Amino acid sequence: MKMKSLSLYFMVVIGLLFAGCTISTNPQPAKVPVVKKKKVIYAKKQVSPVEKNINTKKKELAFLNSNPIKEFSVIGEGIAPRNTISPAQAVALAKRAAVADAYRQLGAKLYGVRVNSKETVKDAALNNSKIITQVNGLVKDAYITETSFKNGLYRVKMELKINSKTWRRIFSY
């Protein structure tokens, strides 16, 4: 009886060992797991004000490269003074004032305007206010395209054309 139980025991063990193994005459290829690509989302890069300024300058330079000539146009105005010797002198002085105004406007467009102000407050009220604007610059090769004189007001249209190489050399700061 011991022998029968022992042989039965071995058969069960051998049966369990081979129960997991299957032998096939038609082997199938092993299945490879398919991995789907996931969409990668990148966080937006924070741009500092300095980088923004550099990017803006690059865009401006790209604009200048696309158009070789940059044009500036202004209209200057001058009024004829009342205390003149003749009407011709009044027109000449009004034209001179209009040309000076046009040059000032071109200088402001090219170089910018410096603004200084001073205010005085007394007893919690504005006592005195003084604002000074100043333009410093050199304007060369500007030319007058139109002039008109009507009702004591002389108008001058002035234009300035600068090529991109000159623009970059002078104003790239």
Protein backbone atom coordinates (compact mmCIF):
# COMPACT_ATOMS: atom_id res chain seq x y z
CA MET A 1 0.00 0.00 0.00
CA LYS A 2 2.86 2.26 0.68
CA MET A 3 4.19 1.54 -2.71
CA LYS A 4 0.95 2.39 -4.42
CA SER A 5 0.62 5.69 -2.59
CA LEU A 6 4.27 6.50 -3.35
CA SER A 7 3.89 5.76 -7.07
CA LEU A 8 0.65 7.72 -7.12
CA TYR A 9 2.43 10.59 -5.47
CA PHE A 10 5.22 10.59 -8.12
CA MET A 11 2.68 10.47 -10.94
CA VAL A 12 0.87 13.48 -9.56
CA VAL A 13 4.15 15.40 -9.22
CA ILE A 14 5.24 14.48 -12.76
CA GLY A 15 1.78 15.32 -14.07
CA LEU A 16 1.89 18.71 -12.42
CA LEU A 17 5.35 19.40 -13.87
CA PHE A 18 4.29 18.66 -17.42
CA ALA A 19 0.82 20.14 -17.14
CA GLY A 20 2.15 23.68 -17.79
CA CYS A 21 4.21 22.69 -20.85
CA THR A 22 2.57 22.23 -24.21
CA ILE A 23 4.31 20.88 -27.25
CA SER A 24 2.95 22.07 -30.53
CA THR A 25 3.79 21.07 -34.05
CA ASN A 26 2.63 24.46 -35.41
CA PRO A 27 4.50 27.04 -33.38
CA GLN A 28 3.04 30.58 -33.40
CA PRO A 29 5.26 33.65 -33.25
CA ALA A 30 5.53 35.23 -29.88
CA LYS A 31 3.28 38.26 -29.41
CA VAL A 32 5.14 41.57 -29.13
CA PRO A 33 3.45 44.17 -27.03
CA VAL A 34 2.49 47.27 -29.08
CA VAL A 35 3.45 50.55 -27.46
CA LYS A 36 1.52 53.59 -28.65
CA LYS A 37 3.42 56.86 -28.78
CA LYS A 38 2.20 59.37 -26.30
CA LYS A 39 1.88 63.01 -27.30
CA VAL A 40 4.51 65.03 -25.48
CA ILE A 41 3.35 68.41 -24.23
CA TYR A 42 6.08 70.87 -23.47
CA ALA A 43 5.61 73.65 -20.99
CA LYS A 44 5.71 77.14 -22.45
CA LYS A 45 9.03 78.80 -21.81
CA GLN A 46 8.84 81.92 -19.71
CA VAL A 47 10.45 84.80 -21.62
CA SER A 48 12.19 87.48 -19.62
CA PRO A 49 11.80 91.16 -20.58
CA VAL A 50 15.43 91.21 -21.75
CA GLU A 51 14.82 88.25 -24.10
CA LYS A 52 11.64 89.95 -25.34
CA ASN A 53 13.63 93.09 -26.12
CA ILE A 54 16.28 91.06 -27.96
CA ASN A 55 13.58 89.22 -29.95
CA THR A 56 11.94 92.56 -30.80
CA LYS A 57 15.28 93.97 -31.98
CA LYS A 58 15.82 90.88 -34.15
CA LYS A 59 12.38 91.36 -35.70
CA GLU A 60 13.11 95.04 -36.33
CA LEU A 61 16.40 94.14 -38.00
CA ALA A 62 14.65 91.50 -40.08
CA PHE A 63 12.19 94.19 -41.17
CA LEU A 64 15.05 96.50 -42.08
CA ASN A 65 16.72 93.75 -44.10
CA SER A 66 13.53 93.11 -46.07
CA ASN A 67 13.16 96.79 -47.00
CA PRO A 68 16.52 98.37 -47.89
CA ILE A 69 15.24 101.96 -47.52
CA LYS A 70 13.49 103.37 -44.44
CA GLU A 71 11.37 106.51 -45.00
CA PHE A 72 10.38 109.17 -42.48
CA SER A 73 7.88 111.92 -43.27
CA VAL A 74 6.78 114.91 -41.15
CA ILE A 75 4.79 118.13 -41.58
CA GLY A 76 6.26 121.24 -39.98
CA GLU A 77 4.20 124.34 -39.33
CA GLY A 78 5.22 127.98 -38.83
CA ILE A 79 3.20 131.14 -38.19
CA ALA A 80 3.99 134.48 -39.76
CA PRO A 81 4.82 137.10 -37.09
CA ARG A 82 2.75 140.31 -36.97
CA ASN A 83 5.56 142.82 -36.56
CA THR A 84 7.27 142.41 -39.95
CA ILE A 85 8.36 145.05 -42.43
CA SER A 86 6.68 143.44 -45.45
CA PRO A 87 4.45 140.49 -46.33
CA ALA A 88 7.45 138.83 -48.02
CA GLN A 89 9.38 138.93 -44.74
CA ALA A 90 6.38 137.40 -42.93
CA VAL A 91 6.25 134.51 -45.41
CA ALA A 92 10.03 133.96 -45.21
CA LEU A 93 9.97 133.86 -41.39
CA ALA A 94 6.95 131.53 -41.36
CA LYS A 95 8.74 129.18 -43.79
CA ARG A 96 11.87 129.26 -41.63
CA ALA A 97 9.80 128.35 -38.54
CA ALA A 98 8.05 125.52 -40.44
CA VAL A 99 11.36 124.06 -41.62
CA ALA A 100 12.79 124.23 -38.07
CA ASP A 101 9.65 122.49 -36.74
CA ALA A 102 9.97 119.74 -39.38
CA TYR A 103 13.63 119.16 -38.45
CA ARG A 104 12.64 118.97 -34.77
CA GLN A 105 9.98 116.38 -35.56
CA LEU A 106 12.42 114.29 -37.62
CA GLY A 107 14.94 114.43 -34.78
CA ALA A 108 12.25 113.31 -32.32
CA LYS A 109 11.33 110.37 -34.58
CA LEU A 110 14.94 109.30 -35.06
CA TYR A 111 16.48 109.94 -31.64
CA GLY A 112 13.56 110.30 -29.24
CA VAL A 113 12.58 113.13 -26.90
CA ARG A 114 14.06 113.87 -23.47
CA VAL A 115 11.43 115.06 -21.02
CA ASN A 116 12.26 116.80 -17.73
CA SER A 117 9.60 118.02 -15.35
CA LYS A 118 9.49 119.79 -12.03
CA GLU A 119 6.45 120.33 -9.87
CA THR A 120 6.03 122.26 -6.66
CA VAL A 121 3.25 121.41 -4.21
CA LYS A 122 2.21 123.82 -1.47
CA ASP A 123 -0.56 123.15 1.07
CA ALA A 124 -1.48 119.89 -0.71
CA ALA A 125 -2.15 121.74 -3.96
CA LEU A 126 -0.09 122.08 -7.11
CA ASN A 127 1.72 125.39 -6.88
CA ASN A 128 4.01 125.32 -9.93
CA SER A 129 4.56 122.89 -12.80
CA LYS A 130 7.37 123.10 -15.32
CA ILE A 131 7.89 120.63 -18.18
CA ILE A 132 10.88 120.83 -20.50
CA THR A 133 11.16 118.70 -23.66
CA GLN A 134 14.41 118.49 -25.55
CA VAL A 135 15.50 116.87 -28.80
CA ASN A 136 19.18 116.32 -29.60
CA GLY A 137 20.27 114.76 -32.85
CA LEU A 138 21.74 115.21 -36.27
CA VAL A 139 19.40 115.20 -39.28
CA LYS A 140 21.12 115.03 -42.66
CA ASP A 141 19.83 114.69 -46.22
CA ALA A 142 16.21 115.56 -45.42
CA TYR A 143 14.36 117.30 -48.23
CA ILE A 144 11.18 119.32 -48.61
CA THR A 145 8.54 117.68 -50.82
CA GLU A 146 5.59 120.09 -50.43
CA THR A 147 5.02 123.65 -49.22
CA SER A 148 1.90 125.74 -48.69
CA PHE A 149 1.04 129.14 -47.18
CA LYS A 150 -2.55 129.84 -46.18
CA ASN A 151 -4.04 132.30 -43.64
CA GLY A 152 -0.66 133.13 -42.13
CA LEU A 153 0.30 129.44 -41.60
CA TYR A 154 3.19 128.00 -43.58
CA ARG A 155 3.30 124.18 -43.92
CA VAL A 156 6.30 122.16 -45.03
CA LYS A 157 6.28 118.43 -45.75
CA MET A 158 9.75 117.01 -45.20
CA GLU A 159 11.01 113.49 -45.96
CA LEU A 160 14.13 111.59 -45.05
CA LYS A 161 15.22 108.29 -46.57
CA ILE A 162 17.88 106.14 -44.90
CA ASN A 163 19.20 102.81 -46.20
CA SER A 164 19.25 99.90 -43.77
CA LYS A 165 23.06 99.76 -43.44
CA THR A 166 23.22 103.39 -42.35
CA TRP A 167 20.23 102.89 -40.04
CA ARG A 168 21.90 99.95 -38.28
CA ARG A 169 25.24 101.73 -37.97
CA ILE A 170 23.72 104.86 -36.41
CA PHE A 171 20.85 103.47 -34.32
CA SER A 172 21.94 99.98 -33.20
CA TYR A 173 22.42 100.58 -29.50
